Amino acid sequence: MGDATAIFSIHDQKDIEIHEVVQQVYDALKEKGYNPVNQLVGYILSEDPTYITTYKGARSLIRKVDRDDLLQAMLRSYLNV
């Protein structure tokens, strides 16, 4: 039982880190006048970094997150699992 908790803790911590990055990128996009949701979706679908502004280092931040990890974290959050 302790092992299962450790595994979930790893996912939880990674998801928290991903959430923080996405929030920072979202905020930077919004501050620059972009539609953050559309820009993030464009980036996720294409993996083209030009969808993300360089303002406040947002492009560098989002590129540090593996796209598969990002999608998994989003799905876990959406499904509350």
PDB file of N, CA and C in Angstrom:
ATOM      1  N   MET A   1       0.816  -1.186   0.000  1.00  0.00           N
ATOM      2  CA  MET A   1       0.000   0.000   0.000  1.00  0.00           C
ATOM      3  C   MET A   1       0.864   1.256   0.000  1.00  0.00           C
ATOM      4  N   GLY A   2       1.969   1.256   0.719  1.00  0.00           N
ATOM      5  CA  GLY A   2       2.872   2.392   0.757  1.00  0.00           C
ATOM      6  C   GLY A   2       3.464   2.696  -0.610  1.00  0.00           C
ATOM      7  N   ASP A   3       3.730   1.646  -1.396  1.00  0.00           N
ATOM      8  CA  ASP A   3       4.292   1.858  -2.732  1.00  0.00           C
ATOM      9  C   ASP A   3       3.320   2.596  -3.641  1.00  0.00           C
ATOM     10  N   ALA A   4       2.057   2.223  -3.564  1.00  0.00           N
ATOM     11  CA  ALA A   4       1.051   2.884  -4.409  1.00  0.00           C
ATOM     12  C   ALA A   4       0.964   4.368  -4.074  1.00  0.00           C
ATOM     13  N   THR A   5       1.027   4.677  -2.794  1.00  0.00           N
ATOM     14  CA  THR A   5       0.971   6.076  -2.383  1.00  0.00           C
ATOM     15  C   THR A   5       2.160   6.841  -2.933  1.00  0.00           C
ATOM     16  N   ALA A   6       3.339   6.239  -2.909  1.00  0.00           N
ATOM     17  CA  ALA A   6       4.542   6.891  -3.428  1.00  0.00           C
ATOM     18  C   ALA A   6       4.392   7.168  -4.918  1.00  0.00           C
ATOM     19  N   ILE A   7       3.830   6.246  -5.663  1.00  0.00           N
ATOM     20  CA  ILE A   7       3.652   6.427  -7.104  1.00  0.00           C
ATOM     21  C   ILE A   7       2.713   7.611  -7.361  1.00  0.00           C
ATOM     22  N   PHE A   8       1.603   7.657  -6.636  1.00  0.00           N
ATOM     23  CA  PHE A   8       0.669   8.762  -6.815  1.00  0.00           C
ATOM     24  C   PHE A   8       1.301  10.088  -6.421  1.00  0.00           C
ATOM     25  N   SER A   9       2.129  10.070  -5.401  1.00  0.00           N
ATOM     26  CA  SER A   9       2.795  11.296  -4.970  1.00  0.00           C
ATOM     27  C   SER A   9       3.706  11.831  -6.063  1.00  0.00           C
ATOM     28  N   ILE A  10       4.390  10.929  -6.768  1.00  0.00           N
ATOM     29  CA  ILE A  10       5.262  11.346  -7.865  1.00  0.00           C
ATOM     30  C   ILE A  10       4.428  12.011  -8.957  1.00  0.00           C
ATOM     31  N   HIS A  11       3.313  11.382  -9.320  1.00  0.00           N
ATOM     32  CA  HIS A  11       2.445  11.971 -10.343  1.00  0.00           C
ATOM     33  C   HIS A  11       1.877  13.300  -9.855  1.00  0.00           C
ATOM     34  N   ASP A  12       1.459  13.333  -8.606  1.00  0.00           N
ATOM     35  CA  ASP A  12       0.888  14.566  -8.066  1.00  0.00           C
ATOM     36  C   ASP A  12       1.897  15.705  -8.121  1.00  0.00           C
ATOM     37  N   GLN A  13       3.140  15.436  -7.725  1.00  0.00           N
ATOM     38  CA  GLN A  13       4.162  16.475  -7.723  1.00  0.00           C
ATOM     39  C   GLN A  13       4.453  16.942  -9.151  1.00  0.00           C
ATOM     40  N   LYS A  14       4.563  15.989 -10.072  1.00  0.00           N
ATOM     41  CA  LYS A  14       4.821  16.344 -11.469  1.00  0.00           C
ATOM     42  C   LYS A  14       3.666  17.161 -12.031  1.00  0.00           C
ATOM     43  N   ASP A  15       2.439  16.758 -11.706  1.00  0.00           N
ATOM     44  CA  ASP A  15       1.259  17.485 -12.177  1.00  0.00           C
ATOM     45  C   ASP A  15       1.237  18.904 -11.623  1.00  0.00           C
ATOM     46  N   ILE A  16       1.640  19.063 -10.380  1.00  0.00           N
ATOM     47  CA  ILE A  16       1.696  20.400  -9.776  1.00  0.00           C
ATOM     48  C   ILE A  16       2.710  21.272 -10.513  1.00  0.00           C
ATOM     49  N   GLU A  17       3.871  20.704 -10.806  1.00  0.00           N
ATOM     50  CA  GLU A  17       4.901  21.448 -11.531  1.00  0.00           C
ATOM     51  C   GLU A  17       4.420  21.830 -12.928  1.00  0.00           C
ATOM     52  N   ILE A  18       3.763  20.902 -13.611  1.00  0.00           N
ATOM     53  CA  ILE A  18       3.229  21.174 -14.946  1.00  0.00           C
ATOM     54  C   ILE A  18       2.165  22.258 -14.860  1.00  0.00           C
ATOM     55  N   HIS A  19       1.297  22.162 -13.870  1.00  0.00           N
ATOM     56  CA  HIS A  19       0.249  23.173 -13.692  1.00  0.00           C
ATOM     57  C   HIS A  19       0.857  24.559 -13.511  1.00  0.00           C
ATOM     58  N   GLU A  20       1.908  24.653 -12.710  1.00  0.00           N
ATOM     59  CA  GLU A  20       2.556  25.943 -12.471  1.00  0.00           C
ATOM     60  C   GLU A  20       3.133  26.528 -13.767  1.00  0.00           C
ATOM     61  N   VAL A  21       3.752  25.676 -14.571  1.00  0.00           N
ATOM     62  CA  VAL A  21       4.307  26.135 -15.850  1.00  0.00           C
ATOM     63  C   VAL A  21       3.188  26.607 -16.769  1.00  0.00           C
ATOM     64  N   VAL A  22       2.148  25.794 -16.905  1.00  0.00           N
ATOM     65  CA  VAL A  22       1.042  26.148 -17.795  1.00  0.00           C
ATOM     66  C   VAL A  22       0.378  27.438 -17.321  1.00  0.00           C
ATOM     67  N   GLN A  23       0.251  27.616 -16.018  1.00  0.00           N
ATOM     68  CA  GLN A  23      -0.357  28.844 -15.488  1.00  0.00           C
ATOM     69  C   GLN A  23       0.493  30.059 -15.826  1.00  0.00           C
ATOM     70  N   GLN A  24       1.808  29.932 -15.694  1.00  0.00           N
ATOM     71  CA  GLN A  24       2.707  31.042 -16.026  1.00  0.00           C
ATOM     72  C   GLN A  24       2.630  31.370 -17.514  1.00  0.00           C
ATOM     73  N   VAL A  25       2.588  30.341 -18.341  1.00  0.00           N
ATOM     74  CA  VAL A  25       2.492  30.548 -19.793  1.00  0.00           C
ATOM     75  C   VAL A  25       1.145  31.183 -20.128  1.00  0.00           C
ATOM     76  N   TYR A  26       0.088  30.688 -19.518  1.00  0.00           N
ATOM     77  CA  TYR A  26      -1.252  31.240 -19.720  1.00  0.00           C
ATOM     78  C   TYR A  26      -1.266  32.732 -19.386  1.00  0.00           C
ATOM     79  N   ASP A  27      -0.710  33.065 -18.222  1.00  0.00           N
ATOM     80  CA  ASP A  27      -0.685  34.466 -17.781  1.00  0.00           C
ATOM     81  C   ASP A  27       0.103  35.345 -18.750  1.00  0.00           C
ATOM     82  N   ALA A  28       1.241  34.855 -19.220  1.00  0.00           N
ATOM     83  CA  ALA A  28       2.057  35.626 -20.163  1.00  0.00           C
ATOM     84  C   ALA A  28       1.311  35.851 -21.475  1.00  0.00           C
ATOM     85  N   LEU A  29       0.647  34.816 -21.969  1.00  0.00           N
ATOM     86  CA  LEU A  29      -0.124  34.947 -23.203  1.00  0.00           C
ATOM     87  C   LEU A  29      -1.257  35.957 -23.028  1.00  0.00           C
ATOM     88  N   LYS A  30      -1.941  35.871 -21.903  1.00  0.00           N
ATOM     89  CA  LYS A  30      -3.056  36.781 -21.640  1.00  0.00           C
ATOM     90  C   LYS A  30      -2.565  38.222 -21.545  1.00  0.00           C
ATOM     91  N   GLU A  31      -1.450  38.429 -20.836  1.00  0.00           N
ATOM     92  CA  GLU A  31      -0.892  39.778 -20.701  1.00  0.00           C
ATOM     93  C   GLU A  31      -0.525  40.388 -22.054  1.00  0.00           C
ATOM     94  N   LYS A  32      -0.099  39.555 -22.989  1.00  0.00           N
ATOM     95  CA  LYS A  32       0.281  40.039 -24.320  1.00  0.00           C
ATOM     96  C   LYS A  32      -0.924  40.184 -25.252  1.00  0.00           C
ATOM     97  N   GLY A  33      -2.124  39.846 -24.773  1.00  0.00           N
ATOM     98  CA  GLY A  33      -3.330  40.053 -25.565  1.00  0.00           C
ATOM     99  C   GLY A  33      -3.744  38.872 -26.424  1.00  0.00           C
ATOM    100  N   TYR A  34      -3.108  37.724 -26.232  1.00  0.00           N
ATOM    101  CA  TYR A  34      -3.483  36.527 -26.987  1.00  0.00           C
ATOM    102  C   TYR A  34      -4.631  35.798 -26.296  1.00  0.00           C
ATOM    103  N   ASN A  35      -5.277  34.917 -27.025  1.00  0.00           N
ATOM    104  CA  ASN A  35      -6.240  33.996 -26.438  1.00  0.00           C
ATOM    105  C   ASN A  35      -5.425  32.798 -25.939  1.00  0.00           C
ATOM    106  N   PRO A  36      -5.170  32.711 -24.631  1.00  0.00           N
ATOM    107  CA  PRO A  36      -4.255  31.690 -24.118  1.00  0.00           C
ATOM    108  C   PRO A  36      -4.680  30.257 -24.412  1.00  0.00           C
ATOM    109  N   VAL A  37      -5.968  29.981 -24.332  1.00  0.00           N
ATOM    110  CA  VAL A  37      -6.435  28.617 -24.580  1.00  0.00           C
ATOM    111  C   VAL A  37      -6.158  28.224 -26.029  1.00  0.00           C
ATOM    112  N   ASN A  38      -6.503  29.100 -26.972  1.00  0.00           N
ATOM    113  CA  ASN A  38      -6.257  28.791 -28.386  1.00  0.00           C
ATOM    114  C   ASN A  38      -4.768  28.607 -28.668  1.00  0.00           C
ATOM    115  N   GLN A  39      -3.948  29.466 -28.075  1.00  0.00           N
ATOM    116  CA  GLN A  39      -2.499  29.380 -28.306  1.00  0.00           C
ATOM    117  C   GLN A  39      -1.929  28.090 -27.729  1.00  0.00           C
ATOM    118  N   LEU A  40      -2.366  27.730 -26.529  1.00  0.00           N
ATOM    119  CA  LEU A  40      -1.873  26.497 -25.903  1.00  0.00           C
ATOM    120  C   LEU A  40      -2.330  25.266 -26.675  1.00  0.00           C
ATOM    121  N   VAL A  41      -3.566  25.273 -27.140  1.00  0.00           N
ATOM    122  CA  VAL A  41      -4.058  24.145 -27.944  1.00  0.00           C
ATOM    123  C   VAL A  41      -3.241  24.038 -29.231  1.00  0.00           C
ATOM    124  N   GLY A  42      -2.991  25.156 -29.876  1.00  0.00           N
ATOM    125  CA  GLY A  42      -2.176  25.143 -31.091  1.00  0.00           C
ATOM    126  C   GLY A  42      -0.799  24.569 -30.823  1.00  0.00           C
ATOM    127  N   TYR A  43      -0.204  24.960 -29.714  1.00  0.00           N
ATOM    128  CA  TYR A  43       1.119  24.434 -29.356  1.00  0.00           C
ATOM    129  C   TYR A  43       1.052  22.938 -29.092  1.00  0.00           C
ATOM    130  N   ILE A  44       0.064  22.502 -28.321  1.00  0.00           N
ATOM    131  CA  ILE A  44      -0.032  21.078 -27.968  1.00  0.00           C
ATOM    132  C   ILE A  44      -0.250  20.229 -29.216  1.00  0.00           C
ATOM    133  N   LEU A  45      -1.114  20.677 -30.114  1.00  0.00           N
ATOM    134  CA  LEU A  45      -1.408  19.894 -31.313  1.00  0.00           C
ATOM    135  C   LEU A  45      -0.243  19.852 -32.297  1.00  0.00           C
ATOM    136  N   SER A  46       0.459  20.960 -32.430  1.00  0.00           N
ATOM    137  CA  SER A  46       1.504  21.047 -33.453  1.00  0.00           C
ATOM    138  C   SER A  46       2.921  20.910 -32.890  1.00  0.00           C
ATOM    139  N   GLU A  47       3.063  21.171 -31.604  1.00  0.00           N
ATOM    140  CA  GLU A  47       4.362  21.266 -30.932  1.00  0.00           C
ATOM    141  C   GLU A  47       5.234  22.361 -31.565  1.00  0.00           C
ATOM    142  N   ASP A  48       4.576  23.327 -32.181  1.00  0.00           N
ATOM    143  CA  ASP A  48       5.256  24.478 -32.773  1.00  0.00           C
ATOM    144  C   ASP A  48       5.381  25.557 -31.702  1.00  0.00           C
ATOM    145  N   PRO A  49       6.598  25.832 -31.248  1.00  0.00           N
ATOM    146  CA  PRO A  49       6.779  26.775 -30.139  1.00  0.00           C
ATOM    147  C   PRO A  49       6.380  28.210 -30.459  1.00  0.00           C
ATOM    148  N   THR A  50       6.216  28.526 -31.737  1.00  0.00           N
ATOM    149  CA  THR A  50       5.859  29.907 -32.071  1.00  0.00           C
ATOM    150  C   THR A  50       4.434  30.258 -31.635  1.00  0.00           C
ATOM    151  N   TYR A  51       3.647  29.281 -31.234  1.00  0.00           N
ATOM    152  CA  TYR A  51       2.330  29.565 -30.665  1.00  0.00           C
ATOM    153  C   TYR A  51       2.448  30.242 -29.305  1.00  0.00           C
ATOM    154  N   ILE A  52       3.602  30.110 -28.668  1.00  0.00           N
ATOM    155  CA  ILE A  52       3.806  30.637 -27.321  1.00  0.00           C
ATOM    156  C   ILE A  52       4.752  31.829 -27.379  1.00  0.00           C
ATOM    157  N   THR A  53       4.355  32.900 -26.739  1.00  0.00           N
ATOM    158  CA  THR A  53       5.156  34.119 -26.706  1.00  0.00           C
ATOM    159  C   THR A  53       6.471  33.901 -25.950  1.00  0.00           C
ATOM    160  N   THR A  54       7.451  34.685 -26.294  1.00  0.00           N
ATOM    161  CA  THR A  54       8.709  34.650 -25.537  1.00  0.00           C
ATOM    162  C   THR A  54       8.626  35.547 -24.302  1.00  0.00           C
ATOM    163  N   TYR A  55       7.565  36.333 -24.213  1.00  0.00           N
ATOM    164  CA  TYR A  55       7.351  37.242 -23.089  1.00  0.00           C
ATOM    165  C   TYR A  55       7.419  36.479 -21.764  1.00  0.00           C
ATOM    166  N   LYS A  56       8.190  37.011 -20.840  1.00  0.00           N
ATOM    167  CA  LYS A  56       8.388  36.420 -19.508  1.00  0.00           C
ATOM    168  C   LYS A  56       8.933  34.987 -19.574  1.00  0.00           C
ATOM    169  N   GLY A  57       9.619  34.648 -20.662  1.00  0.00           N
ATOM    170  CA  GLY A  57      10.228  33.324 -20.789  1.00  0.00           C
ATOM    171  C   GLY A  57       9.232  32.193 -20.982  1.00  0.00           C
ATOM    172  N   ALA A  58       8.006  32.535 -21.405  1.00  0.00           N
ATOM    173  CA  ALA A  58       6.940  31.532 -21.524  1.00  0.00           C
ATOM    174  C   ALA A  58       7.296  30.407 -22.489  1.00  0.00           C
ATOM    175  N   ARG A  59       7.906  30.750 -23.620  1.00  0.00           N
ATOM    176  CA  ARG A  59       8.243  29.721 -24.608  1.00  0.00           C
ATOM    177  C   ARG A  59       9.270  28.742 -24.056  1.00  0.00           C
ATOM    178  N   SER A  60      10.259  29.267 -23.375  1.00  0.00           N
ATOM    179  CA  SER A  60      11.275  28.399 -22.759  1.00  0.00           C
ATOM    180  C   SER A  60      10.658  27.507 -21.692  1.00  0.00           C
ATOM    181  N   LEU A  61       9.748  28.069 -20.906  1.00  0.00           N
ATOM    182  CA  LEU A  61       9.093  27.292 -19.850  1.00  0.00           C
ATOM    183  C   LEU A  61       8.305  26.120 -20.425  1.00  0.00           C
ATOM    184  N   ILE A  62       7.457  26.394 -21.407  1.00  0.00           N
ATOM    185  CA  ILE A  62       6.580  25.344 -21.932  1.00  0.00           C
ATOM    186  C   ILE A  62       7.384  24.258 -22.640  1.00  0.00           C
ATOM    187  N   ARG A  63       8.516  24.622 -23.217  1.00  0.00           N
ATOM    188  CA  ARG A  63       9.331  23.628 -23.930  1.00  0.00           C
ATOM    189  C   ARG A  63      10.043  22.681 -22.973  1.00  0.00           C
ATOM    190  N   LYS A  64      10.122  23.039 -21.695  1.00  0.00           N
ATOM    191  CA  LYS A  64      10.736  22.155 -20.699  1.00  0.00           C
ATOM    192  C   LYS A  64       9.795  21.041 -20.268  1.00  0.00           C
ATOM    193  N   VAL A  65       8.512  21.183 -20.595  1.00  0.00           N
ATOM    194  CA  VAL A  65       7.512  20.183 -20.230  1.00  0.00           C
ATOM    195  C   VAL A  65       7.308  19.243 -21.405  1.00  0.00           C
ATOM    196  N   ASP A  66       7.484  17.951 -21.160  1.00  0.00           N
ATOM    197  CA  ASP A  66       7.250  16.948 -22.194  1.00  0.00           C
ATOM    198  C   ASP A  66       5.762  16.964 -22.565  1.00  0.00           C
ATOM    199  N   ARG A  67       5.492  16.985 -23.853  1.00  0.00           N
ATOM    200  CA  ARG A  67       4.101  17.092 -24.313  1.00  0.00           C
ATOM    201  C   ARG A  67       3.249  15.922 -23.824  1.00  0.00           C
ATOM    202  N   ASP A  68       3.803  14.713 -23.807  1.00  0.00           N
ATOM    203  CA  ASP A  68       3.049  13.562 -23.297  1.00  0.00           C
ATOM    204  C   ASP A  68       2.717  13.745 -21.820  1.00  0.00           C
ATOM    205  N   ASP A  69       3.682  14.225 -21.031  1.00  0.00           N
ATOM    206  CA  ASP A  69       3.432  14.489 -19.614  1.00  0.00           C
ATOM    207  C   ASP A  69       2.361  15.551 -19.443  1.00  0.00           C
ATOM    208  N   LEU A  70       2.409  16.578 -20.288  1.00  0.00           N
ATOM    209  CA  LEU A  70       1.417  17.647 -20.234  1.00  0.00           C
ATOM    210  C   LEU A  70       0.019  17.100 -20.518  1.00  0.00           C
ATOM    211  N   LEU A  71      -0.113  16.301 -21.556  1.00  0.00           N
ATOM    212  CA  LEU A  71      -1.412  15.740 -21.909  1.00  0.00           C
ATOM    213  C   LEU A  71      -1.921  14.798 -20.824  1.00  0.00           C
ATOM    214  N   GLN A  72      -1.032  13.987 -20.253  1.00  0.00           N
ATOM    215  CA  GLN A  72      -1.441  13.086 -19.173  1.00  0.00           C
ATOM    216  C   GLN A  72      -1.914  13.865 -17.954  1.00  0.00           C
ATOM    217  N   ALA A  73      -1.191  14.908 -17.588  1.00  0.00           N
ATOM    218  CA  ALA A  73      -1.574  15.734 -16.439  1.00  0.00           C
ATOM    219  C   ALA A  73      -2.923  16.390 -16.687  1.00  0.00           C
ATOM    220  N   MET A  74      -3.131  16.886 -17.907  1.00  0.00           N
ATOM    221  CA  MET A  74      -4.400  17.530 -18.240  1.00  0.00           C
ATOM    222  C   MET A  74      -5.552  16.531 -18.156  1.00  0.00           C
ATOM    223  N   LEU A  75      -5.328  15.327 -18.664  1.00  0.00           N
ATOM    224  CA  LEU A  75      -6.371  14.307 -18.647  1.00  0.00           C
ATOM    225  C   LEU A  75      -6.682  13.871 -17.214  1.00  0.00           C
ATOM    226  N   ARG A  76      -5.643  13.675 -16.400  1.00  0.00           N
ATOM    227  CA  ARG A  76      -5.860  13.326 -14.998  1.00  0.00           C
ATOM    228  C   ARG A  76      -6.662  14.414 -14.298  1.00  0.00           C
ATOM    229  N   SER A  77      -6.346  15.661 -14.574  1.00  0.00           N
ATOM    230  CA  SER A  77      -7.063  16.778 -13.953  1.00  0.00           C
ATOM    231  C   SER A  77      -8.514  16.817 -14.435  1.00  0.00           C
ATOM    232  N   TYR A  78      -8.721  16.640 -15.706  1.00  0.00           N
ATOM    233  CA  TYR A  78     -10.060  16.685 -16.295  1.00  0.00           C
ATOM    234  C   TYR A  78     -10.940  15.576 -15.731  1.00  0.00           C
ATOM    235  N   LEU A  79     -10.337  14.385 -15.557  1.00  0.00           N
ATOM    236  CA  LEU A  79     -11.083  13.227 -15.073  1.00  0.00           C
ATOM    237  C   LEU A  79     -11.073  13.110 -13.544  1.00  0.00           C
ATOM    238  N   ASN A  80     -10.337  14.029 -12.890  1.00  0.00           N
ATOM    239  CA  ASN A  80     -10.203  13.999 -11.434  1.00  0.00           C
ATOM    240  C   ASN A  80      -9.689  12.648 -10.927  1.00  0.00           C
ATOM    241  N   VAL A  81      -8.655  12.142 -11.600  1.00  0.00           N
ATOM    242  CA  VAL A  81      -8.046  10.865 -11.161  1.00  0.00           C
ATOM    243  C   VAL A  81      -6.594  11.079 -10.787  1.00  0.00           C
TER     244      VAL A  81
END
